[in-house]
PDB file of N, CA and C in Angstrom:
ATOM      1  N   MET A   1      91.720 144.132  43.818  1.00  0.00           N
ATOM      2  CA  MET A   1      90.024 143.884  43.380  1.00  0.00           C
ATOM      3  C   MET A   1      89.480 144.512  44.416  1.00  0.00           C
ATOM      4  N   GLY A   2      88.640 145.480  44.087  1.00  0.00           N
ATOM      5  CA  GLY A   2      87.467 145.829  44.998  1.00  0.00           C
ATOM      6  C   GLY A   2      87.004 145.013  45.635  1.00  0.00           C
ATOM      7  N   ARG A   3      85.760 145.381  46.068  1.00  0.00           N
ATOM      8  CA  ARG A   3      84.635 144.588  47.106  1.00  0.00           C
ATOM      9  C   ARG A   3      83.797 143.989  46.562  1.00  0.00           C
ATOM     10  N   ARG A   4      83.396 145.194  45.796  1.00  0.00           N
ATOM     11  CA  ARG A   4      82.250 144.644  45.016  1.00  0.00           C
ATOM     12  C   ARG A   4      82.821 143.701  44.076  1.00  0.00           C
ATOM     13  N   LEU A   5      83.677 143.492  43.251  1.00  0.00           N
ATOM     14  CA  LEU A   5      84.078 142.702  42.329  1.00  0.00           C
ATOM     15  C   LEU A   5      84.713 140.817  43.135  1.00  0.00           C
ATOM     16  N   ARG A   6      85.046 141.160  44.180  1.00  0.00           N
ATOM     17  CA  ARG A   6      85.739 140.099  44.889  1.00  0.00           C
ATOM     18  C   ARG A   6      84.260 139.381  45.235  1.00  0.00           C
ATOM     19  N   ARG A   7      83.571 140.593  46.012  1.00  0.00           N
ATOM     20  CA  ARG A   7      81.941 139.586  46.588  1.00  0.00           C
ATOM     21  C   ARG A   7      81.682 138.764  45.092  1.00  0.00           C
ATOM     22  N   ALA A   8      81.401 139.613  43.975  1.00  0.00           N
ATOM     23  CA  ALA A   8      80.682 138.643  42.719  1.00  0.00           C
ATOM     24  C   ALA A   8      81.656 137.663  42.340  1.00  0.00           C
ATOM     25  N   ALA A   9      82.495 137.659  42.341  1.00  0.00           N
ATOM     26  CA  ALA A   9      83.392 136.818  42.045  1.00  0.00           C
ATOM     27  C   ALA A   9      83.362 135.084  43.256  1.00  0.00           C
ATOM     28  N   LYS A  10      83.447 135.175  44.297  1.00  0.00           N
ATOM     29  CA  LYS A  10      82.821 134.397  45.055  1.00  0.00           C
ATOM     30  C   LYS A  10      81.720 133.792  44.660  1.00  0.00           C
ATOM     31  N   PHE A  11      80.862 134.865  44.442  1.00  0.00           N
ATOM     32  CA  PHE A  11      79.393 134.524  44.567  1.00  0.00           C
ATOM     33  C   PHE A  11      78.827 133.397  43.294  1.00  0.00           C
ATOM     34  N   GLY A  12      79.538 134.136  42.099  1.00  0.00           N
ATOM     35  CA  GLY A  12      79.838 133.317  41.009  1.00  0.00           C
ATOM     36  C   GLY A  12      79.741 131.945  40.882  1.00  0.00           C
ATOM     37  N   LYS A  13      81.141 131.679  41.989  1.00  0.00           N
ATOM     38  CA  LYS A  13      82.016 130.323  42.257  1.00  0.00           C
ATOM     39  C   LYS A  13      80.893 129.680  42.796  1.00  0.00           C
ATOM     40  N   SER A  14      80.510 130.025  43.652  1.00  0.00           N
ATOM     41  CA  SER A  14      79.476 129.354  45.013  1.00  0.00           C
ATOM     42  C   SER A  14      78.277 128.882  43.872  1.00  0.00           C
ATOM     43  N   LEU A  15      78.095 129.870  43.280  1.00  0.00           N
ATOM     44  CA  LEU A  15      76.769 130.097  42.034  1.00  0.00           C
ATOM     45  C   LEU A  15      76.362 128.556  41.458  1.00  0.00           C
ATOM     46  N   VAL A  16      77.652 128.587  40.891  1.00  0.00           N
ATOM     47  CA  VAL A  16      77.648 127.018  39.825  1.00  0.00           C
ATOM     48  C   VAL A  16      77.674 125.999  40.605  1.00  0.00           C
ATOM     49  N   ARG A  17      79.076 126.074  41.660  1.00  0.00           N
ATOM     50  CA  ARG A  17      78.890 124.598  42.392  1.00  0.00           C
ATOM     51  C   ARG A  17      76.961 124.292  42.851  1.00  0.00           C
ATOM     52  N   HIS A  18      76.494 125.417  43.302  1.00  0.00           N
ATOM     53  CA  HIS A  18      75.033 125.317  43.770  1.00  0.00           C
ATOM     54  C   HIS A  18      74.208 125.014  42.638  1.00  0.00           C
ATOM     55  N   ALA A  19      74.471 125.077  41.340  1.00  0.00           N
ATOM     56  CA  ALA A  19      73.414 125.048  40.224  1.00  0.00           C
ATOM     57  C   ALA A  19      73.661 123.490  39.922  1.00  0.00           C
ATOM     58  N   SER A  20      74.776 123.079  40.006  1.00  0.00           N
ATOM     59  CA  SER A  20      75.564 121.833  39.654  1.00  0.00           C
ATOM     60  C   SER A  20      74.962 120.618  40.734  1.00  0.00           C
ATOM     61  N   LEU A  21      74.561 121.262  41.902  1.00  0.00           N
ATOM     62  CA  LEU A  21      73.785 120.098  42.612  1.00  0.00           C
ATOM     63  C   LEU A  21      72.154 120.326  42.936  1.00  0.00           C
ATOM     64  N   GLY A  22      71.440 121.212  42.059  1.00  0.00           N
ATOM     65  CA  GLY A  22      70.314 121.440  41.724  1.00  0.00           C
ATOM     66  C   GLY A  22      69.567 122.368  42.702  1.00  0.00           C
ATOM     67  N   PHE A  23      70.390 123.498  42.862  1.00  0.00           N
ATOM     68  CA  PHE A  23      69.926 124.724  43.445  1.00  0.00           C
ATOM     69  C   PHE A  23      69.570 124.067  45.506  1.00  0.00           C
ATOM     70  N   PRO A  24      69.508 122.927  46.085  1.00  0.00           N
ATOM     71  CA  PRO A  24      69.701 122.374  46.997  1.00  0.00           C
ATOM     72  C   PRO A  24      69.396 123.352  48.386  1.00  0.00           C
ATOM     73  N   VAL A  25      68.042 123.323  48.854  1.00  0.00           N
ATOM     74  CA  VAL A  25      67.948 124.170  49.907  1.00  0.00           C
ATOM     75  C   VAL A  25      67.337 124.114  51.435  1.00  0.00           C
ATOM     76  N   ALA A  26      67.862 124.892  52.393  1.00  0.00           N
ATOM     77  CA  ALA A  26      68.378 123.931  53.602  1.00  0.00           C
ATOM     78  C   ALA A  26      66.493 123.958  53.704  1.00  0.00           C
ATOM     79  N   PRO A  27      65.968 123.426  54.838  1.00  0.00           N
ATOM     80  CA  PRO A  27      64.709 123.240  55.902  1.00  0.00           C
ATOM     81  C   PRO A  27      64.925 124.674  56.296  1.00  0.00           C
ATOM     82  N   GLU A  28      63.867 125.583  56.898  1.00  0.00           N
ATOM     83  CA  GLU A  28      63.552 126.661  57.373  1.00  0.00           C
ATOM     84  C   GLU A  28      64.168 126.409  58.942  1.00  0.00           C
ATOM     85  N   HIS A  29      64.063 125.571  59.290  1.00  0.00           N
ATOM     86  CA  HIS A  29      64.740 125.105  61.159  1.00  0.00           C
ATOM     87  C   HIS A  29      66.047 125.296  60.816  1.00  0.00           C
ATOM     88  N   VAL A  30      66.856 124.841  59.768  1.00  0.00           N
ATOM     89  CA  VAL A  30      68.384 124.570  59.562  1.00  0.00           C
ATOM     90  C   VAL A  30      68.515 126.201  59.282  1.00  0.00           C
ATOM     91  N   ILE A  31      67.584 127.160  58.488  1.00  0.00           N
ATOM     92  CA  ILE A  31      67.863 128.519  58.001  1.00  0.00           C
ATOM     93  C   ILE A  31      67.870 129.573  59.399  1.00  0.00           C
ATOM     94  N   ARG A  32      67.136 129.052  60.527  1.00  0.00           N
ATOM     95  CA  ARG A  32      67.183 129.706  61.592  1.00  0.00           C
ATOM     96  C   ARG A  32      68.406 129.356  61.937  1.00  0.00           C
ATOM     97  N   GLU A  33      68.607 128.495  62.445  1.00  0.00           N
ATOM     98  CA  GLU A  33      69.537 127.790  63.340  1.00  0.00           C
ATOM     99  C   GLU A  33      70.934 128.307  62.861  1.00  0.00           C
ATOM    100  N   ARG A  34      71.047 128.523  61.309  1.00  0.00           N
ATOM    101  CA  ARG A  34      72.525 128.877  60.900  1.00  0.00           C
ATOM    102  C   ARG A  34      72.483 130.553  61.364  1.00  0.00           C
ATOM    103  N   TYR A  35      71.275 131.362  61.113  1.00  0.00           N
ATOM    104  CA  TYR A  35      71.353 132.491  61.308  1.00  0.00           C
ATOM    105  C   TYR A  35      71.917 133.213  62.950  1.00  0.00           C
ATOM    106  N   GLU A  36      71.302 131.799  63.490  1.00  0.00           N
ATOM    107  CA  GLU A  36      71.102 132.431  64.965  1.00  0.00           C
ATOM    108  C   GLU A  36      72.959 132.491  65.405  1.00  0.00           C
ATOM    109  N   ILE A  37      73.413 131.226  65.168  1.00  0.00           N
ATOM    110  CA  ILE A  37      74.741 131.105  64.885  1.00  0.00           C
ATOM    111  C   ILE A  37      75.519 132.453  64.287  1.00  0.00           C
ATOM    112  N   CYS A  38      74.963 132.831  63.143  1.00  0.00           N
ATOM    113  CA  CYS A  38      75.519 134.051  62.845  1.00  0.00           C
ATOM    114  C   CYS A  38      75.924 135.396  63.502  1.00  0.00           C
ATOM    115  N   LEU A  39      74.639 135.522  63.813  1.00  0.00           N
ATOM    116  CA  LEU A  39      74.560 136.549  64.791  1.00  0.00           C
ATOM    117  C   LEU A  39      75.467 136.932  66.145  1.00  0.00           C
ATOM    118  N   LYS A  40      75.805 135.368  66.623  1.00  0.00           N
ATOM    119  CA  LYS A  40      76.959 135.606  67.767  1.00  0.00           C
ATOM    120  C   LYS A  40      78.056 135.316  67.710  1.00  0.00           C
ATOM    121  N   CYS A  41      78.391 135.190  66.285  1.00  0.00           N
ATOM    122  CA  CYS A  41      79.735 136.101  65.346  1.00  0.00           C
ATOM    123  C   CYS A  41      80.244 137.162  65.424  1.00  0.00           C
ATOM    124  N   GLU A  42      81.694 137.120  65.992  1.00  0.00           N
ATOM    125  CA  GLU A  42      82.172 138.403  65.877  1.00  0.00           C
ATOM    126  C   GLU A  42      82.284 139.004  64.442  1.00  0.00           C
ATOM    127  N   GLU A  43      82.260 137.892  63.257  1.00  0.00           N
ATOM    128  CA  GLU A  43      82.115 138.387  62.109  1.00  0.00           C
ATOM    129  C   GLU A  43      81.352 138.794  61.787  1.00  0.00           C
ATOM    130  N   TYR A  44      79.974 138.654  62.145  1.00  0.00           N
ATOM    131  CA  TYR A  44      79.057 139.193  61.654  1.00  0.00           C
ATOM    132  C   TYR A  44      78.799 140.267  61.268  1.00  0.00           C
ATOM    133  N   ASP A  45      78.628 141.262  60.337  1.00  0.00           N
ATOM    134  CA  ASP A  45      78.256 142.773  60.039  1.00  0.00           C
ATOM    135  C   ASP A  45      77.020 143.142  60.179  1.00  0.00           C
ATOM    136  N   VAL A  46      76.484 143.853  61.510  1.00  0.00           N
ATOM    137  CA  VAL A  46      74.758 143.889  61.411  1.00  0.00           C
ATOM    138  C   VAL A  46      74.379 145.107  60.249  1.00  0.00           C
ATOM    139  N   GLU A  47      74.928 145.825  60.005  1.00  0.00           N
ATOM    140  CA  GLU A  47      74.808 147.172  59.212  1.00  0.00           C
ATOM    141  C   GLU A  47      75.094 146.399  57.604  1.00  0.00           C
ATOM    142  N   ARG A  48      75.479 145.478  57.045  1.00  0.00           N
ATOM    143  CA  ARG A  48      75.757 144.857  56.073  1.00  0.00           C
ATOM    144  C   ARG A  48      74.459 144.136  55.981  1.00  0.00           C
ATOM    145  N   GLN A  49      74.297 142.884  57.212  1.00  0.00           N
ATOM    146  CA  GLN A  49      73.991 141.522  57.081  1.00  0.00           C
ATOM    147  C   GLN A  49      74.776 140.818  56.559  1.00  0.00           C
ATOM    148  N   GLU A  50      76.051 140.747  56.416  1.00  0.00           N
ATOM    149  CA  GLU A  50      76.908 140.266  55.941  1.00  0.00           C
ATOM    150  C   GLU A  50      77.663 139.353  56.517  1.00  0.00           C
ATOM    151  N   CYS A  51      78.309 138.071  56.445  1.00  0.00           N
ATOM    152  CA  CYS A  51      79.633 137.848  57.211  1.00  0.00           C
ATOM    153  C   CYS A  51      81.015 138.396  56.246  1.00  0.00           C
ATOM    154  N   SER A  52      81.699 138.869  57.475  1.00  0.00           N
ATOM    155  CA  SER A  52      82.809 139.775  57.038  1.00  0.00           C
ATOM    156  C   SER A  52      83.536 138.852  56.752  1.00  0.00           C
ATOM    157  N   ALA A  53      83.651 137.818  57.213  1.00  0.00           N
ATOM    158  CA  ALA A  53      85.374 136.336  56.459  1.00  0.00           C
ATOM    159  C   ALA A  53      84.634 136.314  54.995  1.00  0.00           C
ATOM    160  N   CYS A  54      83.403 135.214  55.130  1.00  0.00           N
ATOM    161  CA  CYS A  54      83.159 135.373  53.527  1.00  0.00           C
ATOM    162  C   CYS A  54      82.615 135.950  52.837  1.00  0.00           C
ATOM    163  N   GLU A  55      82.236 137.492  53.123  1.00  0.00           N
ATOM    164  CA  GLU A  55      81.167 138.283  52.324  1.00  0.00           C
ATOM    165  C   GLU A  55      80.237 138.194  52.028  1.00  0.00           C
ATOM    166  N   CYS A  56      79.471 136.893  52.659  1.00  0.00           N
ATOM    167  CA  CYS A  56      78.112 136.437  52.022  1.00  0.00           C
ATOM    168  C   CYS A  56      77.127 137.198  52.914  1.00  0.00           C
ATOM    169  N   SER A  57      75.725 136.845  52.112  1.00  0.00           N
ATOM    170  CA  SER A  57      74.833 137.600  53.020  1.00  0.00           C
ATOM    171  C   SER A  57      74.168 136.713  53.547  1.00  0.00           C
ATOM    172  N   VAL A  58      74.082 137.107  54.875  1.00  0.00           N
ATOM    173  CA  VAL A  58      73.881 136.114  55.664  1.00  0.00           C
ATOM    174  C   VAL A  58      72.189 136.566  56.252  1.00  0.00           C
ATOM    175  N   GLY A  59      71.099 135.703  56.228  1.00  0.00           N
ATOM    176  CA  GLY A  59      70.155 136.258  57.258  1.00  0.00           C
ATOM    177  C   GLY A  59      69.272 134.870  57.186  1.00  0.00           C
ATOM    178  N   PRO A  60      67.516 135.606  58.149  1.00  0.00           N
ATOM    179  CA  PRO A  60      66.623 134.258  58.491  1.00  0.00           C
ATOM    180  C   PRO A  60      65.628 134.064  56.995  1.00  0.00           C
ATOM    181  N   SER A  61      65.919 134.454  56.460  1.00  0.00           N
ATOM    182  CA  SER A  61      64.892 133.700  55.231  1.00  0.00           C
ATOM    183  C   SER A  61      65.331 133.098  53.952  1.00  0.00           C
ATOM    184  N   PRO A  62      64.533 132.463  53.671  1.00  0.00           N
ATOM    185  CA  PRO A  62      64.954 131.610  52.039  1.00  0.00           C
ATOM    186  C   PRO A  62      65.436 132.134  51.252  1.00  0.00           C
ATOM    187  N   ALA A  63      65.463 133.631  51.375  1.00  0.00           N
ATOM    188  CA  ALA A  63      65.715 134.277  49.683  1.00  0.00           C
ATOM    189  C   ALA A  63      67.147 133.651  49.224  1.00  0.00           C
ATOM    190  N   PHE A  64      67.182 133.640  47.681  1.00  0.00           N
ATOM    191  CA  PHE A  64      68.137 133.081  47.294  1.00  0.00           C
ATOM    192  C   PHE A  64      69.604 133.437  47.073  1.00  0.00           C
ATOM    193  N   VAL A  65      69.576 134.551  47.685  1.00  0.00           N
ATOM    194  CA  VAL A  65      71.121 135.588  48.115  1.00  0.00           C
ATOM    195  C   VAL A  65      71.308 135.253  49.209  1.00  0.00           C
ATOM    196  N   ASN A  66      70.570 134.188  50.163  1.00  0.00           N
ATOM    197  CA  ASN A  66      71.036 133.875  51.555  1.00  0.00           C
ATOM    198  C   ASN A  66      71.806 132.723  52.018  1.00  0.00           C
ATOM    199  N   LYS A  67      72.943 132.752  51.878  1.00  0.00           N
ATOM    200  CA  LYS A  67      74.043 132.126  52.627  1.00  0.00           C
ATOM    201  C   LYS A  67      73.360 131.164  53.491  1.00  0.00           C
ATOM    202  N   CYS A  68      72.464 130.846  54.434  1.00  0.00           N
ATOM    203  CA  CYS A  68      72.052 130.322  55.210  1.00  0.00           C
ATOM    204  C   CYS A  68      70.676 129.669  54.679  1.00  0.00           C
ATOM    205  N   ALA A  69      70.448 129.743  53.666  1.00  0.00           N
ATOM    206  CA  ALA A  69      69.590 128.875  53.443  1.00  0.00           C
ATOM    207  C   ALA A  69      69.883 128.154  51.792  1.00  0.00           C
ATOM    208  N   TRP A  70      71.499 128.195  51.889  1.00  0.00           N
ATOM    209  CA  TRP A  70      72.059 127.144  50.481  1.00  0.00           C
ATOM    210  C   TRP A  70      72.408 125.942  51.601  1.00  0.00           C
ATOM    211  N   ALA A  71      71.700 124.779  50.928  1.00  0.00           N
ATOM    212  CA  ALA A  71      71.823 123.699  52.012  1.00  0.00           C
ATOM    213  C   ALA A  71      73.409 123.054  51.558  1.00  0.00           C
ATOM    214  N   ASP A  72      74.162 123.546  50.607  1.00  0.00           N
ATOM    215  CA  ASP A  72      75.604 123.079  50.320  1.00  0.00           C
ATOM    216  C   ASP A  72      76.127 123.803  50.311  1.00  0.00           C
ATOM    217  N   GLU A  73      76.060 124.853  51.329  1.00  0.00           N
ATOM    218  CA  GLU A  73      77.587 125.774  51.754  1.00  0.00           C
ATOM    219  C   GLU A  73      77.395 125.689  53.648  1.00  0.00           C
ATOM    220  N   GLU A  74      78.502 126.124  53.892  1.00  0.00           N
ATOM    221  CA  GLU A  74      79.074 126.243  54.787  1.00  0.00           C
ATOM    222  C   GLU A  74      79.683 127.259  55.543  1.00  0.00           C
ATOM    223  N   CYS A  75      79.334 127.815  56.784  1.00  0.00           N
ATOM    224  CA  CYS A  75      80.308 128.318  57.515  1.00  0.00           C
ATOM    225  C   CYS A  75      82.287 128.656  57.114  1.00  0.00           C
ATOM    226  N   PRO A  76      82.794 129.738  56.760  1.00  0.00           N
ATOM    227  CA  PRO A  76      84.163 129.611  56.664  1.00  0.00           C
ATOM    228  C   PRO A  76      84.517 129.434  57.767  1.00  0.00           C
ATOM    229  N   TYR A  77      84.575 129.230  59.478  1.00  0.00           N
ATOM    230  CA  TYR A  77      84.853 128.973  60.395  1.00  0.00           C
ATOM    231  C   TYR A  77      84.284 127.591  61.096  1.00  0.00           C
ATOM    232  N   LEU A  78      83.513 126.899  59.799  1.00  0.00           N
ATOM    233  CA  LEU A  78      83.049 125.701  60.535  1.00  0.00           C
ATOM    234  C   LEU A  78      81.778 125.840  61.460  1.00  0.00           C
ATOM    235  N   LYS A  79      80.939 126.734  61.435  1.00  0.00           N
ATOM    236  CA  LYS A  79      80.608 127.161  62.888  1.00  0.00           C
ATOM    237  C   LYS A  79      79.008 126.290  62.803  1.00  0.00           C
ATOM    238  N   TRP A  80      79.016 125.910  61.869  1.00  0.00           N
ATOM    239  CA  TRP A  80      77.753 125.371  60.844  1.00  0.00           C
ATOM    240  C   TRP A  80      78.603 124.810  59.391  1.00  0.00           C
ATOM    241  N   ARG A  81      77.160 123.248  58.972  1.00  0.00           N
ATOM    242  CA  ARG A  81      78.180 122.645  58.042  1.00  0.00           C
ATOM    243  C   ARG A  81      76.668 122.494  56.862  1.00  0.00           C
ATOM    244  N   CYS A  82      77.344 122.286  55.662  1.00  0.00           N
ATOM    245  CA  CYS A  82      76.300 121.679  54.982  1.00  0.00           C
ATOM    246  C   CYS A  82      75.735 120.453  55.258  1.00  0.00           C
ATOM    247  N   CYS A  83      73.962 120.605  54.789  1.00  0.00           N
ATOM    248  CA  CYS A  83      72.997 119.712  55.234  1.00  0.00           C
ATOM    249  C   CYS A  83      72.274 119.314  54.239  1.00  0.00           C
ATOM    250  N   ASP A  84      71.757 117.998  53.981  1.00  0.00           N
ATOM    251  CA  ASP A  84      70.841 117.046  53.404  1.00  0.00           C
ATOM    252  C   ASP A  84      69.887 117.781  52.695  1.00  0.00           C
ATOM    253  N   GLY A  85      69.126 118.865  52.691  1.00  0.00           N
ATOM    254  CA  GLY A  85      68.586 120.313  52.343  1.00  0.00           C
ATOM    255  C   GLY A  85      66.985 119.528  52.244  1.00  0.00           C
TER     256      GLY A  85
END
């Protein structure tokens, strides 16, 4: 399976779960904290602005496609966990 197809499949699975929970968004301070952790991680790909482990986009903004902004998501290495949003 190609990289793009694999990413799309993972995103689709996460999106269904995220939608079923009502699209919970993490508070801005939690998004920033999560992103700071990602920046220090060896799996963070600066060029792609994504995690190499889970292939998700991560960043400091509350954008819809930003894993750090989804309250119901967590780091694959458990460096940060789900929050109440």
